[in-house]
Amino acid sequence: MSDQLFGIHGDALAYRSERMGILASNIANSDTPNYKARDLSFNDALRAAAGQGGVGQPLALKLDQPGQLSSGTSAGGAQELYRIPDQPALDGNTVDLERERVRFTENAVSYQTTLSFLNSRIKGINSALTGQ
């Protein structure tokens, strides 16, 4: 029922929310030695939302080494991937702080846009139901 009311926007909100957490983690760990920057695959999320698998599956994390989580399937079927740096730091950290801030800001604007659309859709449905 919610798919008919909100279309792909519910999945988009979940994807943007999950990505915001990952990008925030990248920014927070910009000075952590050997930290590997991560991101979500938009193509995987779009393919999953189009009905080609993966929607609604839980985040699957597995341990590669003690204290390290590997990539897994995330919200909306998006694959969590490690970012390939242009110039890795000597300490093994792959976070480019300026690029991560730009990605975080773009994602936050997209999240707010999707949220605004959903809010207006809910208001429209509510006014239709109440007859106003």
Protein backbone atom coordinates (compact mmCIF):
# COMPACT_ATOMS: atom_id res chain seq x y z
CA MET A 1 0.00 0.00 0.00
CA SER A 2 2.73 2.51 0.89
CA ASP A 3 4.50 1.73 -2.43
CA GLN A 4 1.38 2.92 -4.25
CA LEU A 5 1.19 6.08 -2.15
CA PHE A 6 4.83 7.06 -1.99
CA GLY A 7 6.45 5.21 -4.89
CA ILE A 8 10.21 4.99 -4.78
CA HIS A 9 10.55 7.90 -2.34
CA GLY A 10 10.30 5.72 0.77
CA ASP A 11 13.24 3.62 -0.45
CA ALA A 12 15.10 6.80 -1.44
CA LEU A 13 14.70 8.17 2.09
CA ALA A 14 16.05 4.96 3.62
CA TYR A 15 19.00 4.99 1.19
CA ARG A 16 19.82 8.66 1.91
CA SER A 17 19.57 8.07 5.66
CA GLU A 18 21.91 5.08 5.56
CA ARG A 19 24.35 6.93 3.31
CA MET A 20 24.35 9.94 5.62
CA GLY A 21 25.48 7.71 8.50
CA ILE A 22 28.26 6.17 6.44
CA LEU A 23 29.52 9.55 5.19
CA ALA A 24 29.41 10.94 8.74
CA SER A 25 31.47 7.95 9.86
CA ASN A 26 34.00 8.68 7.12
CA ILE A 27 34.29 12.31 8.25
CA ALA A 28 34.59 11.32 11.92
CA ASN A 29 37.38 8.87 11.09
CA SER A 30 39.37 11.16 8.79
CA ASP A 31 42.35 11.03 11.18
CA THR A 32 42.09 7.33 12.07
CA PRO A 33 45.06 5.33 10.78
CA ASN A 34 44.15 2.59 8.26
CA TYR A 35 40.48 3.67 8.14
CA LYS A 36 38.97 2.92 4.73
CA ALA A 37 36.37 5.35 3.42
CA ARG A 38 33.06 3.70 2.48
CA ASP A 39 29.98 4.63 0.48
CA LEU A 40 26.81 3.05 -0.88
CA SER A 41 26.28 2.04 -4.48
CA PHE A 42 23.46 4.14 -5.91
CA ASN A 43 23.16 1.79 -8.90
CA ASP A 44 22.51 -1.19 -6.60
CA ALA A 45 19.88 0.76 -4.66
CA LEU A 46 18.15 1.87 -7.85
CA ARG A 47 18.19 -1.64 -9.29
CA ALA A 48 16.76 -3.03 -6.04
CA ALA A 49 14.04 -0.37 -5.90
CA ALA A 50 13.11 -1.21 -9.50
CA GLY A 51 12.39 -4.77 -8.35
CA GLN A 52 15.58 -6.48 -9.40
CA GLY A 53 16.41 -7.88 -5.95
CA GLY A 54 17.60 -6.91 -2.52
CA VAL A 55 14.87 -4.58 -1.21
CA GLY A 56 14.14 -4.90 2.48
CA GLN A 57 17.00 -7.25 3.29
CA PRO A 58 18.79 -6.49 6.57
CA LEU A 59 22.27 -5.05 6.76
CA ALA A 60 24.62 -8.01 6.66
CA LEU A 61 27.94 -7.32 8.32
CA LYS A 62 30.71 -9.84 8.80
CA LEU A 63 34.04 -9.75 10.54
CA ASP A 64 37.14 -9.84 8.31
CA GLN A 65 39.65 -9.07 11.03
CA PRO A 66 39.23 -8.35 14.74
CA GLY A 67 37.67 -4.90 15.07
CA GLN A 68 36.89 -4.47 11.37
CA LEU A 69 33.56 -4.76 9.59
CA SER A 70 33.37 -5.71 5.94
CA SER A 71 30.95 -4.39 3.41
CA GLY A 72 27.48 -5.84 3.11
CA THR A 73 24.03 -5.15 1.74
CA SER A 74 22.48 -2.03 3.18
CA ALA A 75 19.21 -0.13 3.17
CA GLY A 76 17.30 -0.38 -0.06
CA GLY A 77 19.56 -3.13 -1.39
CA ALA A 78 22.54 -0.82 -1.89
CA GLN A 79 25.94 -2.45 -1.70
CA GLU A 80 28.36 -0.87 0.77
CA LEU A 81 31.69 -0.37 -0.99
CA TYR A 82 35.14 0.92 -0.09
CA ARG A 83 36.19 4.08 -1.85
CA ILE A 84 39.36 4.06 -3.97
CA PRO A 85 41.40 7.14 -3.02
CA ASP A 86 43.12 9.49 -5.49
CA GLN A 87 46.02 9.83 -3.09
CA PRO A 88 46.01 7.62 0.04
CA ALA A 89 47.59 8.95 3.20
CA LEU A 90 50.83 7.51 4.54
CA ASP A 91 48.95 6.09 7.54
CA GLY A 92 46.64 4.07 5.24
CA ASN A 93 43.59 6.30 5.70
CA THR A 94 41.61 6.73 2.45
CA VAL A 95 39.28 9.57 3.56
CA ASP A 96 39.48 12.78 1.49
CA LEU A 97 37.88 15.13 4.01
CA GLU A 98 36.85 17.86 1.56
CA ARG A 99 35.20 15.41 -0.84
CA GLU A 100 33.44 13.65 2.02
CA ARG A 101 32.02 16.97 3.23
CA VAL A 102 30.75 17.74 -0.27
CA ARG A 103 29.17 14.27 -0.57
CA PHE A 104 27.60 14.63 2.88
CA THR A 105 26.14 18.05 1.99
CA GLU A 106 24.77 16.82 -1.35
CA ASN A 107 23.24 13.80 0.37
CA ALA A 108 21.70 15.97 3.11
CA VAL A 109 20.08 18.24 0.49
CA SER A 110 18.72 15.18 -1.36
CA TYR A 111 17.44 13.73 1.92
CA GLN A 112 15.65 16.99 2.78
CA THR A 113 14.15 17.20 -0.73
CA THR A 114 12.80 13.66 -0.51
CA LEU A 115 11.47 14.31 2.99
CA SER A 116 9.74 17.50 1.83
CA PHE A 117 8.13 15.62 -1.06
CA LEU A 118 6.88 12.89 1.27
CA ASN A 119 5.54 15.47 3.74
CA SER A 120 3.61 17.26 1.00
CA ARG A 121 2.27 13.92 -0.24
CA ILE A 122 1.12 12.99 3.27
CA LYS A 123 -0.54 16.40 3.70
CA GLY A 124 -2.34 15.92 0.38
CA ILE A 125 -3.57 12.47 1.38
CA ASN A 126 -4.63 13.76 4.79
CA SER A 127 -6.61 16.64 3.28
CA ALA A 128 -8.25 14.23 0.81
CA LEU A 129 -9.27 11.93 3.65
CA THR A 130 -10.65 14.75 5.80
CA GLY A 131 -12.39 16.41 2.85
CA GLN A 132 -10.63 19.76 3.14
